[in-house]
Amino acid sequence: MIKIYRRMLQDVPILEVVEEKYRYEKAPIVIFYHGWRSDKELVLTQARKLAGKNIRVILPDAMNHGKRIQDVSSIPSFTFWNTIQGNIAEFSLIKEFYQGRDLIKDGKIGVGGYSMGGMTTGALLTQHPEITAAAIIMGSPKLNEYAKLVRESAKERDIYLPDDMSKLTSWIDDYDLDNYPETIANRPLLFWHGTDDERIPYDESKSFFDSIQGKPYAEQVAFITGYKAKHLVEPPLMDKIANFFEYYLN
């Protein structure tokens, strides 16, 4: 039976979703990140599908979301980038909690996420070689390109944006998978993106995937196109994600 346990890791609220028999036993782990203006509870269907594959699933509430909800800055994307930066900063806190309790089987660590959570996943790949496998679902691996798109959109709509916005978010450079694609390091990486995504352009994911084809570090990268699909994850895709992590973590 799959159980859901609520924890606080310092100030990070998480849900641990796991088969009851693995509560105190080693199992592969997947840390899965929700999207913008969402929360950990809204990823529970995906978590249950993963847990059904004998995987321990951790769902954090990102900063400014869920139990940590805060008002969004009127400066376009400022809170968005602050939230991703928080996810990145808190990743090791979560990982080390379960490592310290010797609950991660064979060091198998998966990371995935939807939308903003997918962008978090790409950023983490640039800095964490201990990640075994990852899934970027309808999230851009090109952080700087997406940031530029938001800045240009704000300018077109005459919305205030500081002139030095790119400097205020300059940390993105070090976490942009497009800058460091070699950090994939031949790890299994799954992309999914819908062609009609109205929030994050399909082309940002697909062009990145095309650019790394044939590279030795990208032999285990797969891309699934959701034809005519918008910014939405449906159950058949959740099954594909669960099967992906089952194959590479078990």
Protein backbone atom coordinates (compact mmCIF):
# COMPACT_ATOMS: atom_id res chain seq x y z
CA MET A 1 0.00 0.00 0.00
CA ILE A 2 1.30 3.44 -0.95
CA LYS A 3 1.52 5.85 1.96
CA ILE A 4 2.01 9.62 2.09
CA TYR A 5 4.07 11.10 4.91
CA ARG A 6 4.38 14.81 5.65
CA ARG A 7 7.74 16.16 6.82
CA MET A 8 9.46 19.47 7.44
CA LEU A 9 13.13 19.55 6.51
CA GLN A 10 14.15 22.77 8.21
CA ASP A 11 11.70 25.17 6.51
CA VAL A 12 10.97 22.97 3.49
CA PRO A 13 7.59 21.17 3.58
CA ILE A 14 7.73 17.86 1.72
CA LEU A 15 5.53 14.88 1.01
CA GLU A 16 7.21 11.47 1.02
CA VAL A 17 5.25 9.03 -1.13
CA VAL A 18 6.34 5.41 -0.81
CA GLU A 19 5.13 1.84 -0.55
CA GLU A 20 4.60 1.15 3.15
CA LYS A 21 7.10 -1.72 3.09
CA TYR A 22 9.87 0.70 2.07
CA ARG A 23 9.20 3.34 4.71
CA TYR A 24 12.27 2.28 6.72
CA GLU A 25 14.00 0.32 3.95
CA LYS A 26 16.31 1.38 1.13
CA ALA A 27 14.71 2.31 -2.19
CA PRO A 28 15.69 4.44 -5.18
CA ILE A 29 14.61 8.04 -4.69
CA VAL A 30 13.04 10.58 -7.04
CA ILE A 31 12.77 14.24 -6.05
CA PHE A 32 10.00 15.70 -8.20
CA TYR A 33 9.33 19.44 -8.52
CA HIS A 34 5.97 21.10 -9.21
CA GLY A 35 5.37 23.99 -11.58
CA TRP A 36 4.82 27.73 -11.19
CA ARG A 37 1.81 28.66 -9.02
CA SER A 38 1.27 24.97 -8.27
CA ASP A 39 2.18 22.96 -5.16
CA LYS A 40 3.37 19.54 -4.04
CA GLU A 41 -0.16 18.15 -3.61
CA LEU A 42 -0.89 18.74 -7.28
CA VAL A 43 1.89 16.33 -8.26
CA LEU A 44 0.55 13.47 -6.13
CA THR A 45 -0.86 11.49 -9.07
CA GLN A 46 2.58 11.40 -10.66
CA ALA A 47 4.12 10.53 -7.30
CA ARG A 48 1.78 7.60 -6.76
CA LYS A 49 2.63 6.19 -10.20
CA LEU A 50 6.34 6.45 -9.36
CA ALA A 51 5.88 4.95 -5.91
CA GLY A 52 4.11 2.03 -7.54
CA LYS A 53 7.45 1.24 -9.20
CA ASN A 54 9.13 0.70 -5.80
CA ILE A 55 10.55 4.21 -5.74
CA ARG A 56 10.56 6.66 -2.80
CA VAL A 57 9.19 9.94 -4.11
CA ILE A 58 9.84 13.31 -2.49
CA LEU A 59 7.62 16.28 -3.36
CA PRO A 60 8.84 19.62 -1.98
CA ASP A 61 6.87 22.84 -1.84
CA ALA A 62 9.04 25.36 -3.65
CA MET A 63 9.70 28.75 -2.07
CA ASN A 64 6.73 31.10 -2.56
CA HIS A 65 4.39 28.14 -3.17
CA GLY A 66 2.08 25.81 -1.26
CA LYS A 67 2.67 26.06 2.49
CA ARG A 68 5.24 28.76 1.71
CA ILE A 69 2.95 30.90 -0.45
CA GLN A 70 3.99 34.53 -0.86
CA ASP A 71 2.84 37.40 -3.02
CA VAL A 72 4.41 37.48 -6.47
CA SER A 73 6.59 40.47 -7.34
CA SER A 74 5.14 42.80 -9.97
CA ILE A 75 8.51 42.62 -11.74
CA PRO A 76 8.00 39.94 -14.42
CA SER A 77 9.67 36.61 -13.57
CA PHE A 78 11.55 37.99 -10.55
CA THR A 79 9.73 35.67 -8.12
CA PHE A 80 9.90 32.86 -10.69
CA TRP A 81 13.71 32.91 -10.82
CA ASN A 82 13.92 33.35 -7.05
CA THR A 83 11.83 30.20 -6.71
CA ILE A 84 14.03 28.12 -9.02
CA GLN A 85 17.10 29.37 -7.17
CA GLY A 86 15.49 28.20 -3.92
CA ASN A 87 14.82 24.75 -5.37
CA ILE A 88 18.46 24.48 -6.37
CA ALA A 89 19.68 25.62 -2.95
CA GLU A 90 17.44 23.15 -1.12
CA PHE A 91 18.14 20.08 -3.27
CA SER A 92 21.12 18.92 -1.20
CA LEU A 93 19.18 19.44 2.04
CA ILE A 94 16.59 16.93 0.86
CA LYS A 95 19.12 14.51 -0.62
CA GLU A 96 21.33 14.52 2.46
CA PHE A 97 18.37 13.90 4.78
CA TYR A 98 17.71 10.56 3.09
CA GLN A 99 21.38 9.74 2.59
CA GLY A 100 21.97 10.32 6.29
CA ARG A 101 19.29 7.78 7.14
CA ASP A 102 20.73 5.26 4.66
CA LEU A 103 17.43 5.07 2.75
CA ILE A 104 18.70 5.48 -0.83
CA LYS A 105 19.29 2.13 -2.53
CA ASP A 106 22.57 1.88 -4.44
CA GLY A 107 22.87 5.67 -4.56
CA LYS A 108 20.13 5.84 -7.20
CA ILE A 109 18.78 9.41 -7.29
CA GLY A 110 16.27 10.63 -9.84
CA VAL A 111 15.14 14.21 -10.38
CA GLY A 112 12.23 15.46 -12.43
CA GLY A 113 9.62 18.12 -12.69
CA TYR A 114 6.90 19.86 -14.65
CA SER A 115 7.37 23.29 -16.20
CA MET A 116 9.29 25.36 -13.61
CA GLY A 117 10.15 22.03 -12.00
CA GLY A 118 11.58 20.84 -15.30
CA MET A 119 13.73 23.96 -15.51
CA THR A 120 14.89 23.27 -11.96
CA THR A 121 15.85 19.75 -13.08
CA GLY A 122 17.99 20.99 -15.96
CA ALA A 123 19.74 23.45 -13.66
CA LEU A 124 20.49 20.72 -11.11
CA LEU A 125 22.06 18.52 -13.79
CA THR A 126 24.76 21.13 -14.36
CA GLN A 127 25.99 20.92 -10.76
CA HIS A 128 25.11 17.49 -9.37
CA PRO A 129 26.87 14.50 -10.95
CA GLU A 130 25.33 12.27 -8.28
CA ILE A 131 21.96 12.47 -10.07
CA THR A 132 21.38 9.13 -11.81
CA ALA A 133 18.51 10.00 -14.18
CA ALA A 134 16.32 13.01 -14.87
CA ALA A 135 13.12 14.09 -16.62
CA ILE A 136 12.45 17.60 -17.92
CA ILE A 137 8.75 17.83 -18.66
CA MET A 138 7.54 20.93 -20.59
CA GLY A 139 10.35 23.00 -19.08
CA SER A 140 13.02 24.84 -21.04
CA PRO A 141 16.64 23.64 -20.69
CA LYS A 142 17.63 27.08 -22.05
CA LEU A 143 17.29 29.29 -18.99
CA ASN A 144 18.90 32.39 -20.49
CA GLU A 145 16.86 32.13 -23.67
CA TYR A 146 13.65 31.88 -21.66
CA ALA A 147 14.70 34.79 -19.42
CA LYS A 148 15.40 36.90 -22.52
CA LEU A 149 11.97 36.02 -23.91
CA VAL A 150 10.30 37.24 -20.70
CA ARG A 151 12.30 40.47 -20.73
CA GLU A 152 11.36 41.16 -24.35
CA SER A 153 7.70 40.42 -23.66
CA ALA A 154 7.67 42.84 -20.72
CA LYS A 155 9.21 45.54 -22.88
CA GLU A 156 6.63 45.01 -25.62
CA ARG A 157 3.81 45.29 -23.09
CA ASP A 158 5.39 48.34 -21.44
CA ILE A 159 5.69 46.59 -18.06
CA TYR A 160 8.37 47.88 -15.72
CA LEU A 161 11.54 45.80 -15.68
CA PRO A 162 14.85 47.02 -14.21
CA ASP A 163 17.50 47.72 -16.83
CA ASP A 164 19.89 45.42 -14.99
CA MET A 165 17.46 42.48 -14.75
CA SER A 166 19.94 40.18 -16.51
CA LYS A 167 22.58 41.08 -13.91
CA LEU A 168 20.14 40.57 -11.04
CA THR A 169 19.60 37.03 -12.30
CA SER A 170 23.16 36.45 -13.52
CA TRP A 171 23.41 33.24 -11.46
CA ILE A 172 21.40 31.65 -14.27
CA ASP A 173 24.57 31.52 -16.40
CA ASP A 174 26.13 28.85 -14.17
CA TYR A 175 22.98 26.70 -14.15
CA ASP A 176 21.91 26.96 -17.78
CA LEU A 177 22.07 23.46 -19.27
CA ASP A 178 22.41 25.05 -22.70
CA ASN A 179 25.75 26.54 -21.57
CA TYR A 180 27.01 23.24 -20.18
CA PRO A 181 25.34 20.39 -22.10
CA GLU A 182 28.37 18.17 -21.47
CA THR A 183 27.29 17.97 -17.80
CA ILE A 184 24.59 15.54 -18.93
CA ALA A 185 27.55 13.15 -18.89
CA ASN A 186 25.73 10.30 -20.61
CA ARG A 187 23.06 10.12 -17.93
CA PRO A 188 19.52 9.05 -18.87
CA LEU A 189 17.51 12.20 -19.53
CA LEU A 190 13.92 12.34 -20.75
CA PHE A 191 12.33 15.39 -22.37
CA TRP A 192 8.64 15.86 -23.11
CA HIS A 193 7.18 19.01 -24.59
CA GLY A 194 3.94 19.83 -26.37
CA THR A 195 4.10 21.55 -29.76
CA ASP A 196 1.28 23.93 -28.81
CA ASP A 197 2.62 24.85 -25.38
CA GLU A 198 1.34 28.37 -24.73
CA ARG A 199 3.66 29.09 -21.76
CA ILE A 200 7.10 27.70 -22.49
CA PRO A 201 8.07 27.44 -26.17
CA TYR A 202 8.38 23.90 -27.54
CA ASP A 203 11.30 25.01 -29.69
CA GLU A 204 13.49 25.79 -26.68
CA SER A 205 13.45 22.11 -25.68
CA LYS A 206 13.50 20.63 -29.20
CA SER A 207 16.31 22.83 -30.51
CA PHE A 208 18.42 21.93 -27.48
CA PHE A 209 17.80 18.24 -28.06
CA ASP A 210 18.66 18.58 -31.75
CA SER A 211 21.88 20.44 -30.94
CA ILE A 212 23.24 17.62 -28.76
CA GLN A 213 22.47 14.76 -31.13
CA GLY A 214 25.53 12.61 -31.80
CA LYS A 215 27.45 13.95 -28.82
CA PRO A 216 29.01 11.25 -26.63
CA TYR A 217 27.55 12.80 -23.48
CA ALA A 218 24.00 12.65 -24.92
CA GLU A 219 23.65 9.02 -25.94
CA GLN A 220 20.93 8.40 -23.35
CA VAL A 221 18.86 11.52 -23.98
CA ALA A 222 15.34 10.93 -25.33
CA PHE A 223 12.74 13.42 -26.53
CA ILE A 224 8.98 12.83 -26.73
CA THR A 225 6.95 15.35 -28.69
CA GLY A 226 3.38 15.94 -27.64
CA TYR A 227 1.76 16.75 -30.99
CA LYS A 228 -0.83 19.53 -30.62
CA ALA A 229 -0.36 19.23 -26.84
CA LYS A 230 -0.51 22.33 -24.66
CA HIS A 231 0.97 23.08 -21.23
CA LEU A 232 -0.67 20.12 -19.56
CA VAL A 233 0.38 16.67 -18.32
CA GLU A 234 -2.10 13.83 -18.76
CA PRO A 235 -2.09 10.33 -17.18
CA PRO A 236 -0.53 8.44 -20.16
CA LEU A 237 2.48 10.76 -19.97
CA MET A 238 2.69 10.22 -16.21
CA ASP A 239 2.92 6.50 -16.90
CA LYS A 240 5.78 7.07 -19.37
CA ILE A 241 7.65 9.12 -16.76
CA ALA A 242 7.15 6.41 -14.13
CA ASN A 243 8.34 3.72 -16.55
CA PHE A 244 11.42 5.78 -17.41
CA PHE A 245 12.50 6.08 -13.79
CA GLU A 246 11.65 2.46 -13.06
CA TYR A 247 13.93 1.32 -15.90
CA TYR A 248 16.91 3.45 -14.88
CA LEU A 249 16.66 3.36 -11.10
CA ASN A 250 15.58 -0.20 -10.30
